[in-house]
Amino acid sequence: MEPQRRPGGRSARVREAVLDATAAELAEHGYLDLNMEAVAQRAGVHKTTVYRRWRGPAGLVADALERAVEQPWPIPDTGTLRGDLRALTALLHSGFDDPESAPLATAFVIAGMHDPQAATALREFYQARHRDAAVIIDRAIARGELEPTVNRTEIIRTAVAPVFHRLFITHEPVTTEDLRRAADAATALAHLSLEV
C-alpha cells in the first residue's frame, strides 16, 4: 500500500498512536505475531481505522519504518575514519544487543524477510541510514584522509555488512574484535581511493 500523506490534527495523532502501538507490539511479540486488533486496542482506536489505513501488518511496519527514517541518530565523530567506522559498527551492534531496542530492531528485519512491502520499507530505511552515515566519509575527505573518488555509501555498507551477516545469517556471536575487523576492512578499502 502506498503511504498516505500525513495530515495534521486528529489524523496525525491517530497515526502516532497506532505506530507507537505497533512498535510496542513488535517489541513484545515480533512480526510473525503482530496482530492488527491488538495494535488498535493498544492505540485506543477502532480496528476498522487500522485496517482501512494500513491494510495489514506489513503496512504498519512500512509506515513505522518510514517514521523511523525521520528520527535522528548519533553518527560518530571521533576525528579519524577508522575511529568513526569502528564506532559505527559498535553503534549498529548495540541496537541489536540492547534489551530495550533489540526486539523492535530485530522485528523490522524479520518483517523484511517475510513480506515484500516490509522489505521495500526496510531497504529504504537502511539506504537513508547509509546516506546519513556517509558524512563519515565526507569528513575523512575534508581532512585529507581519502580521495574524493571513493564511493561513500559502499564504504559504509562494507563496514556494517559483516555485522548483519553474523546477526541474521550465521547467527554467530558478534565480538568487539569482529566489529573492529569489519570497520578496519572498510577503512582499508576506502584507502584504496578507487570507485568501489
N, C-alpha and C. Protein backbone atom coordinates (compact mmCIF):
# COMPACT_ATOMS: atom_id res chain seq x y z
N MET A 1 0.84 -1.19 0.00
CA MET A 1 0.00 0.00 0.00
C MET A 1 0.87 1.24 0.00
N GLU A 2 0.47 2.23 -0.80
CA GLU A 2 1.22 3.48 -0.84
C GLU A 2 0.96 4.25 0.44
N PRO A 3 2.03 4.78 1.09
CA PRO A 3 1.79 5.53 2.31
C PRO A 3 0.96 6.78 2.00
N GLN A 4 0.02 7.07 2.87
CA GLN A 4 -0.81 8.24 2.66
C GLN A 4 -0.08 9.49 3.12
N ARG A 5 -0.53 10.63 2.58
CA ARG A 5 0.06 11.88 3.04
C ARG A 5 -0.24 12.07 4.50
N ARG A 6 0.64 12.78 5.18
CA ARG A 6 0.49 12.93 6.61
C ARG A 6 -0.25 14.21 6.95
N PRO A 7 -1.56 14.15 7.11
CA PRO A 7 -2.28 15.35 7.51
C PRO A 7 -2.05 15.65 8.98
N GLY A 8 -2.41 16.85 9.37
CA GLY A 8 -2.25 17.22 10.77
C GLY A 8 -3.48 16.86 11.58
N GLY A 9 -3.56 17.43 12.77
CA GLY A 9 -4.74 17.26 13.62
C GLY A 9 -4.94 15.84 14.10
N ARG A 10 -6.21 15.44 14.14
CA ARG A 10 -6.57 14.14 14.70
C ARG A 10 -5.92 13.00 13.91
N SER A 11 -5.89 13.12 12.59
CA SER A 11 -5.31 12.04 11.78
C SER A 11 -3.85 11.81 12.14
N ALA A 12 -3.11 12.90 12.35
CA ALA A 12 -1.70 12.77 12.74
C ALA A 12 -1.58 12.13 14.12
N ARG A 13 -2.47 12.49 15.03
CA ARG A 13 -2.43 11.90 16.38
C ARG A 13 -2.76 10.42 16.33
N VAL A 14 -3.73 10.05 15.49
CA VAL A 14 -4.07 8.64 15.34
C VAL A 14 -2.88 7.87 14.78
N ARG A 15 -2.23 8.44 13.76
CA ARG A 15 -1.06 7.78 13.17
C ARG A 15 0.02 7.55 14.23
N GLU A 16 0.32 8.57 15.01
CA GLU A 16 1.35 8.43 16.04
C GLU A 16 0.97 7.36 17.06
N ALA A 17 -0.29 7.37 17.48
CA ALA A 17 -0.74 6.38 18.47
C ALA A 17 -0.64 4.97 17.90
N VAL A 18 -1.05 4.80 16.65
CA VAL A 18 -1.02 3.47 16.04
C VAL A 18 0.42 3.01 15.82
N LEU A 19 1.29 3.91 15.39
CA LEU A 19 2.68 3.50 15.17
C LEU A 19 3.41 3.24 16.48
N ASP A 20 3.08 3.99 17.52
CA ASP A 20 3.64 3.69 18.85
C ASP A 20 3.17 2.31 19.31
N ALA A 21 1.88 2.03 19.09
CA ALA A 21 1.34 0.73 19.47
C ALA A 21 1.97 -0.39 18.64
N THR A 22 2.20 -0.13 17.37
CA THR A 22 2.85 -1.11 16.50
C THR A 22 4.25 -1.44 17.02
N ALA A 23 5.00 -0.40 17.36
CA ALA A 23 6.36 -0.62 17.89
C ALA A 23 6.31 -1.45 19.16
N ALA A 24 5.37 -1.14 20.03
CA ALA A 24 5.27 -1.88 21.30
C ALA A 24 4.89 -3.34 21.05
N GLU A 25 3.95 -3.56 20.14
CA GLU A 25 3.53 -4.93 19.83
C GLU A 25 4.66 -5.72 19.15
N LEU A 26 5.37 -5.06 18.26
CA LEU A 26 6.51 -5.73 17.61
C LEU A 26 7.57 -6.12 18.64
N ALA A 27 7.85 -5.21 19.55
CA ALA A 27 8.86 -5.47 20.57
C ALA A 27 8.45 -6.63 21.48
N GLU A 28 7.15 -6.72 21.78
CA GLU A 28 6.67 -7.76 22.70
C GLU A 28 6.45 -9.10 22.00
N HIS A 29 5.96 -9.06 20.77
CA HIS A 29 5.51 -10.31 20.13
C HIS A 29 6.23 -10.65 18.83
N GLY A 30 6.98 -9.70 18.25
CA GLY A 30 7.65 -9.96 16.99
C GLY A 30 6.72 -9.78 15.80
N TYR A 31 7.29 -9.78 14.62
CA TYR A 31 6.48 -9.53 13.42
C TYR A 31 5.50 -10.65 13.14
N LEU A 32 5.90 -11.89 13.30
CA LEU A 32 5.04 -13.01 12.91
C LEU A 32 3.78 -13.08 13.75
N ASP A 33 3.79 -12.49 14.93
CA ASP A 33 2.60 -12.47 15.79
C ASP A 33 2.01 -11.07 15.92
N LEU A 34 2.34 -10.18 14.99
CA LEU A 34 1.77 -8.84 15.03
C LEU A 34 0.29 -8.92 14.66
N ASN A 35 -0.56 -8.42 15.55
CA ASN A 35 -2.00 -8.55 15.41
C ASN A 35 -2.62 -7.17 15.27
N MET A 36 -3.37 -6.97 14.20
CA MET A 36 -3.97 -5.67 13.93
C MET A 36 -4.92 -5.23 15.03
N GLU A 37 -5.71 -6.16 15.54
CA GLU A 37 -6.67 -5.80 16.59
C GLU A 37 -5.96 -5.43 17.89
N ALA A 38 -4.87 -6.11 18.18
CA ALA A 38 -4.10 -5.76 19.38
C ALA A 38 -3.49 -4.37 19.24
N VAL A 39 -3.01 -4.05 18.03
CA VAL A 39 -2.48 -2.71 17.79
C VAL A 39 -3.57 -1.66 18.00
N ALA A 40 -4.76 -1.92 17.43
CA ALA A 40 -5.87 -0.98 17.57
C ALA A 40 -6.24 -0.78 19.03
N GLN A 41 -6.33 -1.86 19.76
CA GLN A 41 -6.69 -1.78 21.18
C GLN A 41 -5.65 -0.99 21.96
N ARG A 42 -4.38 -1.26 21.72
CA ARG A 42 -3.32 -0.56 22.44
C ARG A 42 -3.30 0.93 22.07
N ALA A 43 -3.62 1.23 20.81
CA ALA A 43 -3.61 2.62 20.35
C ALA A 43 -4.87 3.38 20.77
N GLY A 44 -5.90 2.64 21.18
CA GLY A 44 -7.14 3.29 21.58
C GLY A 44 -7.98 3.75 20.40
N VAL A 45 -7.88 3.03 19.29
CA VAL A 45 -8.67 3.38 18.11
C VAL A 45 -9.46 2.14 17.68
N HIS A 46 -10.46 2.37 16.82
CA HIS A 46 -11.26 1.25 16.35
C HIS A 46 -10.45 0.45 15.33
N LYS A 47 -10.65 -0.86 15.34
CA LYS A 47 -9.87 -1.72 14.46
C LYS A 47 -10.10 -1.40 12.99
N THR A 48 -11.31 -0.92 12.64
CA THR A 48 -11.56 -0.60 11.23
C THR A 48 -10.67 0.56 10.76
N THR A 49 -10.32 1.46 11.68
CA THR A 49 -9.41 2.56 11.34
C THR A 49 -8.06 2.01 10.93
N VAL A 50 -7.58 1.03 11.69
CA VAL A 50 -6.26 0.44 11.42
C VAL A 50 -6.29 -0.35 10.12
N TYR A 51 -7.33 -1.15 9.93
CA TYR A 51 -7.42 -1.94 8.70
C TYR A 51 -7.59 -1.04 7.48
N ARG A 52 -8.38 0.01 7.60
CA ARG A 52 -8.64 0.88 6.45
C ARG A 52 -7.36 1.60 6.01
N ARG A 53 -6.58 2.08 6.96
CA ARG A 53 -5.41 2.89 6.60
C ARG A 53 -4.17 2.05 6.31
N TRP A 54 -3.97 0.97 7.07
CA TRP A 54 -2.72 0.20 6.93
C TRP A 54 -2.89 -1.17 6.29
N ARG A 55 -4.09 -1.65 6.17
CA ARG A 55 -4.45 -2.90 5.48
C ARG A 55 -3.99 -4.17 6.18
N GLY A 56 -2.77 -4.18 6.70
CA GLY A 56 -2.25 -5.39 7.32
C GLY A 56 -0.95 -5.10 8.06
N PRO A 57 -0.36 -6.14 8.69
CA PRO A 57 0.87 -5.95 9.44
C PRO A 57 2.01 -5.33 8.64
N ALA A 58 2.14 -5.71 7.37
CA ALA A 58 3.23 -5.15 6.57
C ALA A 58 3.06 -3.65 6.37
N GLY A 59 1.81 -3.20 6.23
CA GLY A 59 1.55 -1.77 6.10
C GLY A 59 1.93 -1.01 7.36
N LEU A 60 1.66 -1.61 8.50
CA LEU A 60 2.06 -0.99 9.77
C LEU A 60 3.58 -0.89 9.87
N VAL A 61 4.26 -1.97 9.53
CA VAL A 61 5.72 -1.99 9.61
C VAL A 61 6.31 -0.96 8.64
N ALA A 62 5.78 -0.91 7.43
CA ALA A 62 6.29 0.03 6.43
C ALA A 62 6.16 1.47 6.92
N ASP A 63 5.03 1.80 7.51
CA ASP A 63 4.83 3.17 7.99
C ASP A 63 5.71 3.44 9.21
N ALA A 64 5.86 2.45 10.07
CA ALA A 64 6.74 2.62 11.24
C ALA A 64 8.18 2.86 10.81
N LEU A 65 8.62 2.15 9.78
CA LEU A 65 9.98 2.36 9.27
C LEU A 65 10.12 3.72 8.61
N GLU A 66 9.08 4.16 7.91
CA GLU A 66 9.12 5.49 7.31
C GLU A 66 9.26 6.55 8.40
N ARG A 67 8.53 6.38 9.49
CA ARG A 67 8.66 7.33 10.60
C ARG A 67 10.05 7.26 11.21
N ALA A 68 10.61 6.06 11.31
CA ALA A 68 11.93 5.89 11.91
C ALA A 68 13.02 6.60 11.12
N VAL A 69 12.86 6.66 9.79
CA VAL A 69 13.84 7.35 8.95
C VAL A 69 13.97 8.81 9.38
N GLU A 70 12.86 9.40 9.82
CA GLU A 70 12.84 10.81 10.18
C GLU A 70 13.51 11.09 11.54
N GLN A 71 13.74 10.04 12.31
CA GLN A 71 14.29 10.23 13.64
C GLN A 71 15.82 10.31 13.58
N PRO A 72 16.41 11.34 14.19
CA PRO A 72 17.87 11.49 14.13
C PRO A 72 18.58 10.38 14.90
N TRP A 73 19.81 10.13 14.51
CA TRP A 73 20.61 9.14 15.24
C TRP A 73 22.04 9.66 15.33
N PRO A 74 22.77 9.22 16.35
CA PRO A 74 24.10 9.81 16.65
C PRO A 74 25.21 9.25 15.78
N ILE A 75 25.46 9.88 14.65
CA ILE A 75 26.54 9.43 13.78
C ILE A 75 27.88 9.76 14.45
N PRO A 76 28.76 8.78 14.59
CA PRO A 76 30.02 9.01 15.31
C PRO A 76 30.90 10.08 14.67
N ASP A 77 31.64 10.78 15.51
CA ASP A 77 32.61 11.77 15.04
C ASP A 77 33.81 11.73 15.98
N THR A 78 34.73 10.79 15.70
CA THR A 78 35.89 10.60 16.57
C THR A 78 37.12 11.37 16.11
N GLY A 79 37.06 11.89 14.89
CA GLY A 79 38.20 12.62 14.36
C GLY A 79 39.05 11.84 13.38
N THR A 80 38.78 10.52 13.24
CA THR A 80 39.50 9.71 12.25
C THR A 80 38.51 8.78 11.55
N LEU A 81 38.84 8.41 10.33
CA LEU A 81 37.99 7.48 9.59
C LEU A 81 37.88 6.15 10.31
N ARG A 82 39.01 5.59 10.70
CA ARG A 82 39.00 4.29 11.39
C ARG A 82 38.17 4.36 12.67
N GLY A 83 38.38 5.41 13.44
CA GLY A 83 37.63 5.57 14.69
C GLY A 83 36.14 5.70 14.44
N ASP A 84 35.77 6.47 13.42
CA ASP A 84 34.35 6.64 13.11
C ASP A 84 33.70 5.33 12.67
N LEU A 85 34.40 4.58 11.81
CA LEU A 85 33.83 3.32 11.33
C LEU A 85 33.75 2.28 12.44
N ARG A 86 34.74 2.28 13.32
CA ARG A 86 34.66 1.37 14.47
C ARG A 86 33.50 1.74 15.37
N ALA A 87 33.31 3.04 15.58
CA ALA A 87 32.19 3.48 16.42
C ALA A 87 30.86 3.18 15.73
N LEU A 88 30.82 3.27 14.41
CA LEU A 88 29.59 2.97 13.68
C LEU A 88 29.21 1.51 13.80
N THR A 89 30.16 0.60 13.64
CA THR A 89 29.83 -0.82 13.77
C THR A 89 29.41 -1.15 15.20
N ALA A 90 30.04 -0.49 16.17
CA ALA A 90 29.64 -0.71 17.57
C ALA A 90 28.23 -0.18 17.81
N LEU A 91 27.91 0.97 17.22
CA LEU A 91 26.57 1.54 17.36
C LEU A 91 25.52 0.62 16.75
N LEU A 92 25.80 0.10 15.56
CA LEU A 92 24.87 -0.82 14.93
C LEU A 92 24.64 -2.05 15.80
N HIS A 93 25.73 -2.62 16.27
CA HIS A 93 25.60 -3.83 17.08
C HIS A 93 24.83 -3.57 18.37
N SER A 94 25.05 -2.42 18.97
CA SER A 94 24.36 -2.11 20.23
C SER A 94 22.85 -2.06 20.04
N GLY A 95 22.40 -1.64 18.84
CA GLY A 95 20.97 -1.61 18.57
C GLY A 95 20.32 -2.98 18.55
N PHE A 96 21.13 -4.00 18.22
CA PHE A 96 20.62 -5.37 18.19
C PHE A 96 21.02 -6.17 19.42
N ASP A 97 21.72 -5.53 20.33
CA ASP A 97 22.20 -6.21 21.53
C ASP A 97 21.52 -5.68 22.79
N ASP A 98 21.02 -4.45 22.71
CA ASP A 98 20.39 -3.82 23.85
C ASP A 98 19.01 -4.45 24.11
N PRO A 99 18.73 -4.84 25.35
CA PRO A 99 17.44 -5.49 25.64
C PRO A 99 16.23 -4.64 25.29
N GLU A 100 16.37 -3.33 25.33
CA GLU A 100 15.22 -2.47 25.03
C GLU A 100 15.02 -2.27 23.53
N SER A 101 16.11 -2.03 22.79
CA SER A 101 15.97 -1.73 21.36
C SER A 101 16.02 -2.96 20.47
N ALA A 102 16.66 -4.03 20.93
CA ALA A 102 16.88 -5.20 20.07
C ALA A 102 15.59 -5.85 19.58
N PRO A 103 14.57 -6.05 20.41
CA PRO A 103 13.37 -6.73 19.91
C PRO A 103 12.71 -6.00 18.74
N LEU A 104 12.62 -4.69 18.80
CA LEU A 104 12.00 -3.94 17.72
C LEU A 104 12.89 -3.95 16.47
N ALA A 105 14.18 -3.70 16.65
CA ALA A 105 15.10 -3.70 15.51
C ALA A 105 15.09 -5.05 14.80
N THR A 106 15.07 -6.12 15.57
CA THR A 106 15.04 -7.46 15.01
C THR A 106 13.72 -7.73 14.30
N ALA A 107 12.61 -7.27 14.89
CA ALA A 107 11.30 -7.47 14.28
C ALA A 107 11.21 -6.80 12.92
N PHE A 108 11.81 -5.62 12.78
CA PHE A 108 11.81 -4.95 11.48
C PHE A 108 12.54 -5.79 10.44
N VAL A 109 13.69 -6.36 10.80
CA VAL A 109 14.44 -7.18 9.86
C VAL A 109 13.66 -8.44 9.50
N ILE A 110 13.06 -9.07 10.49
CA ILE A 110 12.26 -10.28 10.24
C ILE A 110 11.09 -9.95 9.32
N ALA A 111 10.45 -8.81 9.53
CA ALA A 111 9.34 -8.41 8.65
C ALA A 111 9.82 -8.30 7.21
N GLY A 112 11.01 -7.72 7.03
CA GLY A 112 11.56 -7.59 5.69
C GLY A 112 11.86 -8.92 5.03
N MET A 113 12.05 -9.95 5.82
CA MET A 113 12.31 -11.29 5.27
C MET A 113 11.02 -12.00 4.86
N HIS A 114 9.87 -11.49 5.33
CA HIS A 114 8.62 -12.20 5.12
C HIS A 114 7.62 -11.51 4.20
N ASP A 115 7.81 -10.22 3.95
CA ASP A 115 6.80 -9.52 3.17
C ASP A 115 7.48 -8.51 2.24
N PRO A 116 7.09 -8.49 0.96
CA PRO A 116 7.73 -7.57 0.01
C PRO A 116 7.54 -6.09 0.37
N GLN A 117 6.37 -5.72 0.88
CA GLN A 117 6.15 -4.33 1.25
C GLN A 117 7.07 -3.93 2.40
N ALA A 118 7.18 -4.80 3.40
CA ALA A 118 8.08 -4.53 4.51
C ALA A 118 9.53 -4.53 4.05
N ALA A 119 9.85 -5.40 3.10
CA ALA A 119 11.22 -5.46 2.58
C ALA A 119 11.59 -4.15 1.88
N THR A 120 10.67 -3.61 1.11
CA THR A 120 10.92 -2.34 0.44
C THR A 120 11.14 -1.22 1.46
N ALA A 121 10.30 -1.20 2.48
CA ALA A 121 10.43 -0.16 3.52
C ALA A 121 11.75 -0.32 4.28
N LEU A 122 12.14 -1.55 4.55
CA LEU A 122 13.40 -1.80 5.27
C LEU A 122 14.59 -1.36 4.42
N ARG A 123 14.53 -1.68 3.13
CA ARG A 123 15.61 -1.28 2.23
C ARG A 123 15.73 0.25 2.19
N GLU A 124 14.60 0.94 2.10
CA GLU A 124 14.62 2.40 2.06
C GLU A 124 15.13 2.97 3.38
N PHE A 125 14.77 2.33 4.49
CA PHE A 125 15.27 2.78 5.79
C PHE A 125 16.79 2.71 5.84
N TYR A 126 17.36 1.56 5.44
CA TYR A 126 18.81 1.41 5.52
C TYR A 126 19.53 2.24 4.45
N GLN A 127 18.91 2.44 3.32
CA GLN A 127 19.51 3.34 2.34
C GLN A 127 19.64 4.75 2.91
N ALA A 128 18.60 5.19 3.62
CA ALA A 128 18.66 6.51 4.25
C ALA A 128 19.72 6.55 5.34
N ARG A 129 19.82 5.49 6.13
CA ARG A 129 20.84 5.44 7.18
C ARG A 129 22.25 5.46 6.57
N HIS A 130 22.43 4.74 5.48
CA HIS A 130 23.75 4.72 4.83
C HIS A 130 24.10 6.10 4.27
N ARG A 131 23.11 6.76 3.69
CA ARG A 131 23.36 8.13 3.18
C ARG A 131 23.74 9.06 4.33
N ASP A 132 23.02 8.94 5.44
CA ASP A 132 23.33 9.79 6.61
C ASP A 132 24.75 9.52 7.11
N ALA A 133 25.10 8.23 7.20
CA ALA A 133 26.41 7.85 7.74
C ALA A 133 27.54 8.21 6.80
N ALA A 134 27.22 8.47 5.54
CA ALA A 134 28.27 8.83 4.58
C ALA A 134 28.97 10.13 4.94
N VAL A 135 28.39 10.90 5.88
CA VAL A 135 29.09 12.10 6.36
C VAL A 135 30.45 11.71 6.98
N ILE A 136 30.56 10.50 7.47
CA ILE A 136 31.83 10.00 7.99
C ILE A 136 32.90 10.05 6.89
N ILE A 137 32.51 9.65 5.70
CA ILE A 137 33.44 9.66 4.58
C ILE A 137 33.72 11.09 4.13
N ASP A 138 32.67 11.93 4.12
CA ASP A 138 32.86 13.33 3.75
C ASP A 138 33.87 14.01 4.67
N ARG A 139 33.78 13.73 5.96
CA ARG A 139 34.72 14.32 6.92
C ARG A 139 36.14 13.83 6.64
N ALA A 140 36.27 12.54 6.34
CA ALA A 140 37.61 11.99 6.06
C ALA A 140 38.20 12.63 4.81
N ILE A 141 37.37 12.88 3.81
CA ILE A 141 37.85 13.56 2.61
C ILE A 141 38.29 14.97 2.95
N ALA A 142 37.49 15.66 3.75
CA ALA A 142 37.82 17.04 4.14
C ALA A 142 39.12 17.11 4.94
N ARG A 143 39.40 16.05 5.71
CA ARG A 143 40.65 16.01 6.50
C ARG A 143 41.84 15.60 5.64
N GLY A 144 41.59 15.16 4.42
CA GLY A 144 42.67 14.70 3.55
C GLY A 144 43.02 13.24 3.73
N GLU A 145 42.20 12.50 4.48
CA GLU A 145 42.46 11.07 4.67
C GLU A 145 42.14 10.25 3.43
N LEU A 146 41.16 10.71 2.65
CA LEU A 146 40.69 9.95 1.49
C LEU A 146 40.62 10.84 0.26
N GLU A 147 40.68 10.18 -0.88
CA GLU A 147 40.42 10.87 -2.14
C GLU A 147 38.91 11.02 -2.32
N PRO A 148 38.48 12.09 -2.98
CA PRO A 148 37.04 12.30 -3.15
C PRO A 148 36.36 11.32 -4.10
N THR A 149 37.14 10.42 -4.73
CA THR A 149 36.56 9.47 -5.68
C THR A 149 35.95 8.24 -5.00
N VAL A 150 36.15 8.07 -3.70
CA VAL A 150 35.62 6.86 -3.05
C VAL A 150 34.10 6.89 -3.07
N ASN A 151 33.52 5.71 -3.11
CA ASN A 151 32.07 5.58 -3.08
C ASN A 151 31.64 5.58 -1.61
N ARG A 152 31.05 6.67 -1.20
CA ARG A 152 30.76 6.88 0.22
C ARG A 152 29.86 5.79 0.81
N THR A 153 28.73 5.54 0.17
CA THR A 153 27.80 4.58 0.77
C THR A 153 28.33 3.16 0.74
N GLU A 154 29.13 2.82 -0.26
CA GLU A 154 29.67 1.46 -0.30
C GLU A 154 30.69 1.22 0.80
N ILE A 155 31.41 2.26 1.19
CA ILE A 155 32.33 2.11 2.33
C ILE A 155 31.53 1.83 3.61
N ILE A 156 30.43 2.55 3.78
CA ILE A 156 29.57 2.32 4.94
C ILE A 156 29.01 0.90 4.90
N ARG A 157 28.52 0.48 3.74
CA ARG A 157 27.98 -0.88 3.60
C ARG A 157 29.04 -1.93 3.94
N THR A 158 30.26 -1.71 3.48
CA THR A 158 31.34 -2.65 3.74
C THR A 158 31.60 -2.80 5.24
N ALA A 159 31.45 -1.71 5.98
CA ALA A 159 31.67 -1.76 7.42
C ALA A 159 30.56 -2.53 8.14
N VAL A 160 29.30 -2.30 7.75
CA VAL A 160 28.19 -2.87 8.54
C VAL A 160 27.75 -4.24 8.06
N ALA A 161 28.03 -4.59 6.81
CA ALA A 161 27.53 -5.87 6.27
C ALA A 161 27.96 -7.09 7.09
N PRO A 162 29.23 -7.19 7.51
CA PRO A 162 29.61 -8.38 8.29
C PRO A 162 28.85 -8.51 9.61
N VAL A 163 28.44 -7.38 10.16
CA VAL A 163 27.68 -7.42 11.42
C VAL A 163 26.31 -8.05 11.17
N PHE A 164 25.63 -7.60 10.11
CA PHE A 164 24.33 -8.18 9.76
C PHE A 164 24.46 -9.66 9.41
N HIS A 165 25.55 -10.02 8.72
CA HIS A 165 25.76 -11.41 8.34
C HIS A 165 25.82 -12.30 9.58
N ARG A 166 26.56 -11.88 10.56
CA ARG A 166 26.67 -12.68 11.79
C ARG A 166 25.35 -12.71 12.56
N LEU A 167 24.67 -11.58 12.60
CA LEU A 167 23.43 -11.50 13.37
C LEU A 167 22.30 -12.31 12.76
N PHE A 168 22.15 -12.25 11.42
CA PHE A 168 20.94 -12.78 10.81
C PHE A 168 21.16 -13.94 9.83
N ILE A 169 22.40 -14.20 9.42
CA ILE A 169 22.63 -15.32 8.51
C ILE A 169 23.24 -16.50 9.25
N THR A 170 24.38 -16.26 9.89
CA THR A 170 25.05 -17.38 10.58
C THR A 170 24.69 -17.47 12.05
N HIS A 171 24.05 -16.43 12.59
CA HIS A 171 23.65 -16.40 14.00
C HIS A 171 24.82 -16.68 14.93
N GLU A 172 25.96 -16.06 14.59
CA GLU A 172 27.15 -16.17 15.42
C GLU A 172 27.20 -15.01 16.41
N PRO A 173 27.87 -15.20 17.52
CA PRO A 173 28.10 -14.07 18.42
C PRO A 173 28.91 -12.99 17.70
N VAL A 174 28.67 -11.75 18.05
CA VAL A 174 29.41 -10.63 17.48
C VAL A 174 30.28 -10.05 18.59
N THR A 175 31.59 -10.18 18.43
CA THR A 175 32.53 -9.72 19.44
C THR A 175 33.06 -8.33 19.08
N THR A 176 33.69 -7.71 20.04
CA THR A 176 34.33 -6.42 19.78
C THR A 176 35.36 -6.55 18.67
N GLU A 177 36.07 -7.65 18.65
CA GLU A 177 37.07 -7.88 17.60
C GLU A 177 36.41 -8.00 16.23
N ASP A 178 35.26 -8.64 16.18
CA ASP A 178 34.53 -8.74 14.91
C ASP A 178 34.14 -7.35 14.41
N LEU A 179 33.68 -6.50 15.31
CA LEU A 179 33.27 -5.15 14.93
C LEU A 179 34.47 -4.35 14.43
N ARG A 180 35.58 -4.48 15.12
CA ARG A 180 36.79 -3.76 14.70
C ARG A 180 37.29 -4.26 13.35
N ARG A 181 37.24 -5.58 13.15
CA ARG A 181 37.71 -6.15 11.89
C ARG A 181 36.87 -5.65 10.72
N ALA A 182 35.56 -5.59 10.91
CA ALA A 182 34.68 -5.10 9.84
C ALA A 182 34.98 -3.64 9.52
N ALA A 183 35.14 -2.83 10.56
CA ALA A 183 35.44 -1.42 10.35
C ALA A 183 36.80 -1.23 9.70
N ASP A 184 37.77 -2.01 10.13
CA ASP A 184 39.12 -1.88 9.57
C ASP A 184 39.18 -2.33 8.11
N ALA A 185 38.38 -3.33 7.76
CA ALA A 185 38.33 -3.75 6.36
C ALA A 185 37.74 -2.63 5.49
N ALA A 186 36.72 -1.97 6.00
CA ALA A 186 36.13 -0.85 5.25
C ALA A 186 37.12 0.31 5.15
N THR A 187 37.89 0.53 6.21
CA THR A 187 38.90 1.59 6.19
C THR A 187 39.96 1.28 5.13
N ALA A 188 40.41 0.03 5.08
CA ALA A 188 41.42 -0.36 4.10
C ALA A 188 40.89 -0.18 2.68
N LEU A 189 39.62 -0.57 2.46
CA LEU A 189 39.02 -0.41 1.15
C LEU A 189 38.94 1.06 0.77
N ALA A 190 38.56 1.89 1.72
CA ALA A 190 38.44 3.32 1.45
C ALA A 190 39.79 3.90 1.05
N HIS A 191 40.85 3.43 1.66
CA HIS A 191 42.20 3.98 1.38
C HIS A 191 42.74 3.54 0.02
N LEU A 192 42.05 2.61 -0.64
CA LEU A 192 42.46 2.27 -1.99
C LEU A 192 42.17 3.42 -2.94
N SER A 193 41.28 4.34 -2.50
CA SER A 193 40.94 5.52 -3.28
C SER A 193 40.44 5.19 -4.67
N LEU A 194 39.65 4.12 -4.76
CA LEU A 194 39.07 3.71 -6.03
C LEU A 194 37.56 3.83 -5.97
N GLU A 195 36.94 3.86 -7.13
CA GLU A 195 35.49 3.74 -7.17
C GLU A 195 35.16 2.28 -6.83
N VAL A 196 34.37 2.09 -5.77
CA VAL A 196 34.04 0.73 -5.37
C VAL A 196 32.55 0.51 -5.50
